[in-house]
Amino acid sequence: MSEHAAVVSGEPVPVERVDALLAAVPARDAGTARDRPSARDPETARTEALARAERQRRRWATQVVVTDELARRACAERGLAPPGEVPPQRVPAVSGTDVADLGSIVAVALAHSPAARALLAALEAEQRVSEEAVRDYYVRNRDRFLTKDALRRGVDPFATATADDFRPYEHVRDDVARELRRARGRQAFFDWLDRAREGVAYPAGHEHPGDPAHPDHEHRH
């Protein structure tokens, strides 16, 4: 196997960084490996499925490490203070909601990479949300702003609700603006990451899990 997991701007990323992440992030339960149809016996098929899952896990971990490496470089370019390393036992937990919203690669990268978190915070701080955008969100998502009493009564926010059934705009305005800024910051992070990893090269065994060039590829959301 190659001594490096990727090449970023001509510089190799040591495979040891991928190994360290694999050691810090437990593998999924072996029973969750998805078997593909096989003409061989069930035990052979299961063994093949587990081996395939582990190969894909290494590719997935490579993407997390590359995201960290790219974020470190972006922080340096922006003059952001270099974040300190976080011991594995102090890495923030990755919630199912984050995985659903961000995808597992980005969610785990943000948990394990102080640089990625610092970059995301910087991108979020750069977002400007207009008053018009905040008010438009409030108007279009009235169901999110029902009072507790209206919720208890089962009021339909789009039919039977009255003005008194909603929390006033002034009371929720700052929360809405914060949420919109956060969403735009995340989108800016995704856009940055897509651009940043365009020139990354990977040796065999470390390709993106969804790269159709290798036989184990899969694409899931």
C-alpha atoms as a PDB file:
ATOM      1  CA  MET A   1       0.000   0.000   0.000  1.00  0.00           C
ATOM      2  CA  SER A   2       1.152   3.532  -0.711  1.00  0.00           C
ATOM      3  CA  GLU A   3       2.978   5.441   2.042  1.00  0.00           C
ATOM      4  CA  HIS A   4       0.704   8.415   1.446  1.00  0.00           C
ATOM      5  CA  ALA A   5      -3.064   8.678   1.352  1.00  0.00           C
ATOM      6  CA  ALA A   6      -3.294  11.687  -0.949  1.00  0.00           C
ATOM      7  CA  VAL A   7      -1.250  14.410  -2.594  1.00  0.00           C
ATOM      8  CA  VAL A   8      -2.340  17.997  -1.914  1.00  0.00           C
ATOM      9  CA  SER A   9      -0.617  20.718  -3.945  1.00  0.00           C
ATOM     10  CA  GLY A  10       2.317  18.397  -4.573  1.00  0.00           C
ATOM     11  CA  GLU A  11       2.721  17.474  -0.896  1.00  0.00           C
ATOM     12  CA  PRO A  12       1.897  13.941   0.314  1.00  0.00           C
ATOM     13  CA  VAL A  13      -0.537  13.375   3.164  1.00  0.00           C
ATOM     14  CA  PRO A  14       0.900  10.530   5.291  1.00  0.00           C
ATOM     15  CA  VAL A  15      -1.192   7.375   5.456  1.00  0.00           C
ATOM     16  CA  GLU A  16      -0.573   7.381   9.226  1.00  0.00           C
ATOM     17  CA  ARG A  17      -3.088  10.211   9.557  1.00  0.00           C
ATOM     18  CA  VAL A  18      -5.758   8.003   8.013  1.00  0.00           C
ATOM     19  CA  ASP A  19      -4.763   5.108  10.268  1.00  0.00           C
ATOM     20  CA  ALA A  20      -5.079   7.368  13.323  1.00  0.00           C
ATOM     21  CA  LEU A  21      -8.572   8.449  12.306  1.00  0.00           C
ATOM     22  CA  LEU A  22      -9.650   4.866  11.660  1.00  0.00           C
ATOM     23  CA  ALA A  23      -8.437   3.979  15.161  1.00  0.00           C
ATOM     24  CA  ALA A  24     -10.356   6.916  16.684  1.00  0.00           C
ATOM     25  CA  VAL A  25     -13.658   6.296  14.857  1.00  0.00           C
ATOM     26  CA  PRO A  26     -15.185   2.856  15.548  1.00  0.00           C
ATOM     27  CA  ALA A  27     -16.274   0.818  12.551  1.00  0.00           C
ATOM     28  CA  ARG A  28     -19.936   0.119  12.033  1.00  0.00           C
ATOM     29  CA  ASP A  29     -21.235  -3.128  13.479  1.00  0.00           C
ATOM     30  CA  ALA A  30     -20.179  -5.990  11.240  1.00  0.00           C
ATOM     31  CA  GLY A  31     -23.813  -6.991  10.884  1.00  0.00           C
ATOM     32  CA  THR A  32     -24.583  -3.782   9.034  1.00  0.00           C
ATOM     33  CA  ALA A  33     -22.331  -4.592   6.071  1.00  0.00           C
ATOM     34  CA  ARG A  34     -24.415  -4.765   2.942  1.00  0.00           C
ATOM     35  CA  ASP A  35     -23.931  -7.991   1.004  1.00  0.00           C
ATOM     36  CA  ARG A  36     -24.035  -7.974  -2.754  1.00  0.00           C
ATOM     37  CA  PRO A  37     -25.425 -11.025  -4.603  1.00  0.00           C
ATOM     38  CA  SER A  38     -22.829 -13.789  -4.816  1.00  0.00           C
ATOM     39  CA  ALA A  39     -22.810 -17.195  -6.454  1.00  0.00           C
ATOM     40  CA  ARG A  40     -20.654 -18.488  -3.604  1.00  0.00           C
ATOM     41  CA  ASP A  41     -21.704 -19.652  -0.150  1.00  0.00           C
ATOM     42  CA  PRO A  42     -23.195 -17.094   2.309  1.00  0.00           C
ATOM     43  CA  GLU A  43     -20.112 -17.053   4.551  1.00  0.00           C
ATOM     44  CA  THR A  44     -17.835 -16.222   1.624  1.00  0.00           C
ATOM     45  CA  ALA A  45     -20.234 -13.513   0.511  1.00  0.00           C
ATOM     46  CA  ARG A  46     -20.242 -12.044   4.019  1.00  0.00           C
ATOM     47  CA  THR A  47     -16.444 -12.094   4.224  1.00  0.00           C
ATOM     48  CA  GLU A  48     -16.230 -10.306   0.885  1.00  0.00           C
ATOM     49  CA  ALA A  49     -18.795  -7.733   2.000  1.00  0.00           C
ATOM     50  CA  LEU A  50     -16.868  -7.006   5.210  1.00  0.00           C
ATOM     51  CA  ALA A  51     -13.605  -6.627   3.284  1.00  0.00           C
ATOM     52  CA  ARG A  52     -15.315  -4.294   0.824  1.00  0.00           C
ATOM     53  CA  ALA A  53     -16.797  -2.250   3.688  1.00  0.00           C
ATOM     54  CA  GLU A  54     -13.361  -1.877   5.300  1.00  0.00           C
ATOM     55  CA  ARG A  55     -11.824  -0.730   2.005  1.00  0.00           C
ATOM     56  CA  GLN A  56     -14.583   1.842   1.671  1.00  0.00           C
ATOM     57  CA  ARG A  57     -14.087   2.888   5.272  1.00  0.00           C
ATOM     58  CA  ARG A  58     -10.423   3.673   4.488  1.00  0.00           C
ATOM     59  CA  ARG A  59     -11.489   5.740   1.479  1.00  0.00           C
ATOM     60  CA  TRP A  60     -14.043   7.573   3.638  1.00  0.00           C
ATOM     61  CA  ALA A  61     -11.410   8.272   6.325  1.00  0.00           C
ATOM     62  CA  THR A  62      -9.055   9.591   3.647  1.00  0.00           C
ATOM     63  CA  GLN A  63     -11.675  12.163   2.658  1.00  0.00           C
ATOM     64  CA  VAL A  64     -11.998  13.289   6.288  1.00  0.00           C
ATOM     65  CA  VAL A  65      -8.220  13.660   6.616  1.00  0.00           C
ATOM     66  CA  VAL A  66      -7.972  15.509   3.292  1.00  0.00           C
ATOM     67  CA  THR A  67     -10.721  17.886   4.425  1.00  0.00           C
ATOM     68  CA  ASP A  68      -8.692  18.584   7.562  1.00  0.00           C
ATOM     69  CA  GLU A  69      -5.525  19.173   5.506  1.00  0.00           C
ATOM     70  CA  LEU A  70      -7.289  21.522   3.105  1.00  0.00           C
ATOM     71  CA  ALA A  71      -8.863  23.396   6.020  1.00  0.00           C
ATOM     72  CA  ARG A  72      -5.456  23.828   7.678  1.00  0.00           C
ATOM     73  CA  ARG A  73      -4.130  25.382   4.486  1.00  0.00           C
ATOM     74  CA  ALA A  74      -7.188  27.616   4.111  1.00  0.00           C
ATOM     75  CA  CYS A  75      -6.800  28.831   7.701  1.00  0.00           C
ATOM     76  CA  ALA A  76      -3.143  29.652   7.044  1.00  0.00           C
ATOM     77  CA  GLU A  77      -4.053  31.562   3.885  1.00  0.00           C
ATOM     78  CA  ARG A  78      -6.683  33.534   5.780  1.00  0.00           C
ATOM     79  CA  GLY A  79      -4.391  34.295   8.687  1.00  0.00           C
ATOM     80  CA  LEU A  80      -6.571  32.415  11.132  1.00  0.00           C
ATOM     81  CA  ALA A  81      -4.816  31.299  14.295  1.00  0.00           C
ATOM     82  CA  PRO A  82      -3.691  27.680  13.915  1.00  0.00           C
ATOM     83  CA  PRO A  83      -6.122  25.591  15.972  1.00  0.00           C
ATOM     84  CA  GLY A  84      -4.675  23.143  18.454  1.00  0.00           C
ATOM     85  CA  GLU A  85      -5.009  19.400  18.090  1.00  0.00           C
ATOM     86  CA  VAL A  86      -7.823  17.665  19.954  1.00  0.00           C
ATOM     87  CA  PRO A  87      -7.153  14.351  21.745  1.00  0.00           C
ATOM     88  CA  PRO A  88      -9.466  11.566  20.437  1.00  0.00           C
ATOM     89  CA  GLN A  89     -11.224  11.278  23.799  1.00  0.00           C
ATOM     90  CA  ARG A  90     -12.210  14.964  23.614  1.00  0.00           C
ATOM     91  CA  VAL A  91     -13.493  14.960  20.031  1.00  0.00           C
ATOM     92  CA  PRO A  92     -17.084  16.263  19.924  1.00  0.00           C
ATOM     93  CA  ALA A  93     -19.704  13.606  19.299  1.00  0.00           C
ATOM     94  CA  VAL A  94     -21.180  13.443  15.797  1.00  0.00           C
ATOM     95  CA  SER A  95     -24.959  13.561  15.928  1.00  0.00           C
ATOM     96  CA  GLY A  96     -27.256  11.790  13.509  1.00  0.00           C
ATOM     97  CA  THR A  97     -28.743  15.164  12.620  1.00  0.00           C
ATOM     98  CA  ASP A  98     -25.331  16.498  11.594  1.00  0.00           C
ATOM     99  CA  VAL A  99     -24.707  13.436   9.440  1.00  0.00           C
ATOM    100  CA  ALA A 100     -28.101  13.894   7.782  1.00  0.00           C
ATOM    101  CA  ASP A 101     -27.546  17.619   7.204  1.00  0.00           C
ATOM    102  CA  LEU A 102     -23.855  17.595   6.293  1.00  0.00           C
ATOM    103  CA  GLY A 103     -23.042  14.086   5.140  1.00  0.00           C
ATOM    104  CA  SER A 104     -20.814  11.800   7.190  1.00  0.00           C
ATOM    105  CA  ILE A 105     -17.509  13.011   5.712  1.00  0.00           C
ATOM    106  CA  VAL A 106     -18.090  16.687   6.515  1.00  0.00           C
ATOM    107  CA  ALA A 107     -19.786  15.955   9.854  1.00  0.00           C
ATOM    108  CA  VAL A 108     -16.855  13.847  11.072  1.00  0.00           C
ATOM    109  CA  ALA A 109     -14.314  16.289   9.622  1.00  0.00           C
ATOM    110  CA  LEU A 110     -15.894  19.120  11.602  1.00  0.00           C
ATOM    111  CA  ALA A 111     -15.846  16.985  14.751  1.00  0.00           C
ATOM    112  CA  HIS A 112     -12.210  15.911  14.368  1.00  0.00           C
ATOM    113  CA  SER A 113     -10.655  18.952  12.712  1.00  0.00           C
ATOM    114  CA  PRO A 114     -10.243  22.199  14.665  1.00  0.00           C
ATOM    115  CA  ALA A 115      -9.132  23.806  11.391  1.00  0.00           C
ATOM    116  CA  ALA A 116     -12.354  22.821   9.639  1.00  0.00           C
ATOM    117  CA  ARG A 117     -14.395  24.249  12.517  1.00  0.00           C
ATOM    118  CA  ALA A 118     -12.376  27.465  12.476  1.00  0.00           C
ATOM    119  CA  LEU A 119     -12.855  27.837   8.732  1.00  0.00           C
ATOM    120  CA  LEU A 120     -16.595  27.154   8.985  1.00  0.00           C
ATOM    121  CA  ALA A 121     -16.900  29.788  11.730  1.00  0.00           C
ATOM    122  CA  ALA A 122     -15.036  32.313   9.572  1.00  0.00           C
ATOM    123  CA  LEU A 123     -17.212  31.605   6.554  1.00  0.00           C
ATOM    124  CA  GLU A 124     -20.354  31.879   8.665  1.00  0.00           C
ATOM    125  CA  ALA A 125     -19.215  35.230  10.074  1.00  0.00           C
ATOM    126  CA  GLU A 126     -18.801  36.541   6.544  1.00  0.00           C
ATOM    127  CA  GLN A 127     -22.428  35.903   5.608  1.00  0.00           C
ATOM    128  CA  ARG A 128     -24.751  38.908   5.407  1.00  0.00           C
ATOM    129  CA  VAL A 129     -28.447  38.251   5.880  1.00  0.00           C
ATOM    130  CA  SER A 130     -30.782  41.061   4.858  1.00  0.00           C
ATOM    131  CA  GLU A 131     -33.845  42.098   6.826  1.00  0.00           C
ATOM    132  CA  GLU A 132     -35.908  41.189   3.781  1.00  0.00           C
ATOM    133  CA  ALA A 133     -34.553  37.644   3.787  1.00  0.00           C
ATOM    134  CA  VAL A 134     -35.295  37.209   7.496  1.00  0.00           C
ATOM    135  CA  ARG A 135     -38.855  38.489   7.187  1.00  0.00           C
ATOM    136  CA  ASP A 136     -39.466  36.393   4.071  1.00  0.00           C
ATOM    137  CA  TYR A 137     -38.406  33.278   5.975  1.00  0.00           C
ATOM    138  CA  TYR A 138     -40.728  34.194   8.836  1.00  0.00           C
ATOM    139  CA  VAL A 139     -43.676  34.620   6.458  1.00  0.00           C
ATOM    140  CA  ARG A 140     -43.030  31.440   4.474  1.00  0.00           C
ATOM    141  CA  ASN A 141     -42.462  29.213   7.501  1.00  0.00           C
ATOM    142  CA  ARG A 142     -45.297  30.236   9.791  1.00  0.00           C
ATOM    143  CA  ASP A 143     -45.673  26.701  11.127  1.00  0.00           C
ATOM    144  CA  ARG A 144     -42.337  27.107  12.906  1.00  0.00           C
ATOM    145  CA  PHE A 145     -43.511  30.138  14.889  1.00  0.00           C
ATOM    146  CA  LEU A 146     -46.732  28.966  16.508  1.00  0.00           C
ATOM    147  CA  THR A 147     -47.074  29.742  20.194  1.00  0.00           C
ATOM    148  CA  LYS A 148     -47.061  26.876  22.682  1.00  0.00           C
ATOM    149  CA  ASP A 149     -50.765  27.390  23.275  1.00  0.00           C
ATOM    150  CA  ALA A 150     -51.492  27.190  19.530  1.00  0.00           C
ATOM    151  CA  LEU A 151     -49.493  23.991  19.298  1.00  0.00           C
ATOM    152  CA  ARG A 152     -51.434  22.482  22.197  1.00  0.00           C
ATOM    153  CA  ARG A 153     -54.723  23.363  20.472  1.00  0.00           C
ATOM    154  CA  GLY A 154     -53.552  21.877  17.191  1.00  0.00           C
ATOM    155  CA  VAL A 155     -54.013  25.108  15.261  1.00  0.00           C
ATOM    156  CA  ASP A 156     -53.433  24.884  11.516  1.00  0.00           C
ATOM    157  CA  PRO A 157     -50.867  27.647  10.810  1.00  0.00           C
ATOM    158  CA  PHE A 158     -51.971  27.930   7.188  1.00  0.00           C
ATOM    159  CA  ALA A 159     -55.737  27.873   7.658  1.00  0.00           C
ATOM    160  CA  THR A 160     -57.316  28.517  11.063  1.00  0.00           C
ATOM    161  CA  ALA A 161     -54.512  30.401  12.853  1.00  0.00           C
ATOM    162  CA  THR A 162     -54.909  34.047  13.831  1.00  0.00           C
ATOM    163  CA  ALA A 163     -52.168  36.611  14.467  1.00  0.00           C
ATOM    164  CA  ASP A 164     -52.267  35.825  18.194  1.00  0.00           C
ATOM    165  CA  ASP A 165     -51.294  32.220  17.474  1.00  0.00           C
ATOM    166  CA  PHE A 166     -47.823  33.209  16.279  1.00  0.00           C
ATOM    167  CA  ARG A 167     -44.792  34.457  18.146  1.00  0.00           C
ATOM    168  CA  PRO A 168     -44.176  38.069  17.125  1.00  0.00           C
ATOM    169  CA  TYR A 169     -41.551  38.679  14.450  1.00  0.00           C
ATOM    170  CA  GLU A 170     -39.578  40.915  16.783  1.00  0.00           C
ATOM    171  CA  HIS A 171     -39.218  38.042  19.267  1.00  0.00           C
ATOM    172  CA  VAL A 172     -37.797  35.552  16.764  1.00  0.00           C
ATOM    173  CA  ARG A 173     -36.003  37.831  14.322  1.00  0.00           C
ATOM    174  CA  ASP A 174     -32.497  37.335  15.767  1.00  0.00           C
ATOM    175  CA  ASP A 175     -32.899  33.550  15.938  1.00  0.00           C
ATOM    176  CA  VAL A 176     -34.025  33.411  12.313  1.00  0.00           C
ATOM    177  CA  ALA A 177     -31.133  35.589  11.156  1.00  0.00           C
ATOM    178  CA  ARG A 178     -28.706  33.363  13.072  1.00  0.00           C
ATOM    179  CA  GLU A 179     -30.176  30.241  11.481  1.00  0.00           C
ATOM    180  CA  LEU A 180     -29.993  31.695   7.973  1.00  0.00           C
ATOM    181  CA  ARG A 181     -26.412  32.820   8.532  1.00  0.00           C
ATOM    182  CA  ARG A 182     -25.515  29.342   9.753  1.00  0.00           C
ATOM    183  CA  ALA A 183     -27.107  27.707   6.706  1.00  0.00           C
ATOM    184  CA  ARG A 184     -25.317  30.061   4.337  1.00  0.00           C
ATOM    185  CA  GLY A 185     -22.045  29.469   6.150  1.00  0.00           C
ATOM    186  CA  ARG A 186     -22.429  25.729   5.691  1.00  0.00           C
ATOM    187  CA  GLN A 187     -23.176  26.182   2.005  1.00  0.00           C
ATOM    188  CA  ALA A 188     -20.089  28.372   1.659  1.00  0.00           C
ATOM    189  CA  PHE A 189     -18.085  25.599   3.353  1.00  0.00           C
ATOM    190  CA  PHE A 190     -19.432  22.998   0.899  1.00  0.00           C
ATOM    191  CA  ASP A 191     -18.602  25.271  -2.041  1.00  0.00           C
ATOM    192  CA  TRP A 192     -15.079  25.877  -0.708  1.00  0.00           C
ATOM    193  CA  LEU A 193     -14.502  22.143  -0.173  1.00  0.00           C
ATOM    194  CA  ASP A 194     -15.688  21.241  -3.681  1.00  0.00           C
ATOM    195  CA  ARG A 195     -13.229  23.709  -5.168  1.00  0.00           C
ATOM    196  CA  ALA A 196     -10.366  22.891  -2.805  1.00  0.00           C
ATOM    197  CA  ARG A 197     -10.304  19.156  -3.436  1.00  0.00           C
ATOM    198  CA  GLU A 198     -10.468  19.371  -7.218  1.00  0.00           C
ATOM    199  CA  GLY A 199      -6.689  19.085  -7.522  1.00  0.00           C
ATOM    200  CA  VAL A 200      -6.167  16.387  -4.882  1.00  0.00           C
ATOM    201  CA  ALA A 201      -4.663  13.142  -6.183  1.00  0.00           C
ATOM    202  CA  TYR A 202      -5.228   9.761  -4.546  1.00  0.00           C
ATOM    203  CA  PRO A 203      -3.279   6.507  -4.823  1.00  0.00           C
ATOM    204  CA  ALA A 204      -5.152   3.234  -5.314  1.00  0.00           C
ATOM    205  CA  GLY A 205      -7.114   2.288  -2.211  1.00  0.00           C
ATOM    206  CA  HIS A 206      -7.702   5.860  -1.111  1.00  0.00           C
ATOM    207  CA  GLU A 207     -10.031   7.132  -3.839  1.00  0.00           C
ATOM    208  CA  HIS A 208     -13.310   8.855  -2.945  1.00  0.00           C
ATOM    209  CA  PRO A 209     -15.878   6.215  -1.811  1.00  0.00           C
ATOM    210  CA  GLY A 210     -18.182   7.318  -4.627  1.00  0.00           C
ATOM    211  CA  ASP A 211     -15.541   7.357  -7.365  1.00  0.00           C
ATOM    212  CA  PRO A 212     -16.840   5.035 -10.126  1.00  0.00           C
ATOM    213  CA  ALA A 213     -13.254   4.275 -11.166  1.00  0.00           C
ATOM    214  CA  HIS A 214     -12.914   1.642  -8.431  1.00  0.00           C
ATOM    215  CA  PRO A 215     -15.093  -1.496  -8.092  1.00  0.00           C
ATOM    216  CA  ASP A 216     -16.243  -0.847  -4.502  1.00  0.00           C
ATOM    217  CA  HIS A 217     -17.734   2.563  -5.263  1.00  0.00           C
ATOM    218  CA  GLU A 218     -21.076   3.533  -3.825  1.00  0.00           C
ATOM    219  CA  HIS A 219     -22.983   6.799  -3.604  1.00  0.00           C
ATOM    220  CA  ARG A 220     -25.288   7.387  -0.648  1.00  0.00           C
ATOM    221  CA  HIS A 221     -26.923  10.437   0.933  1.00  0.00           C
END
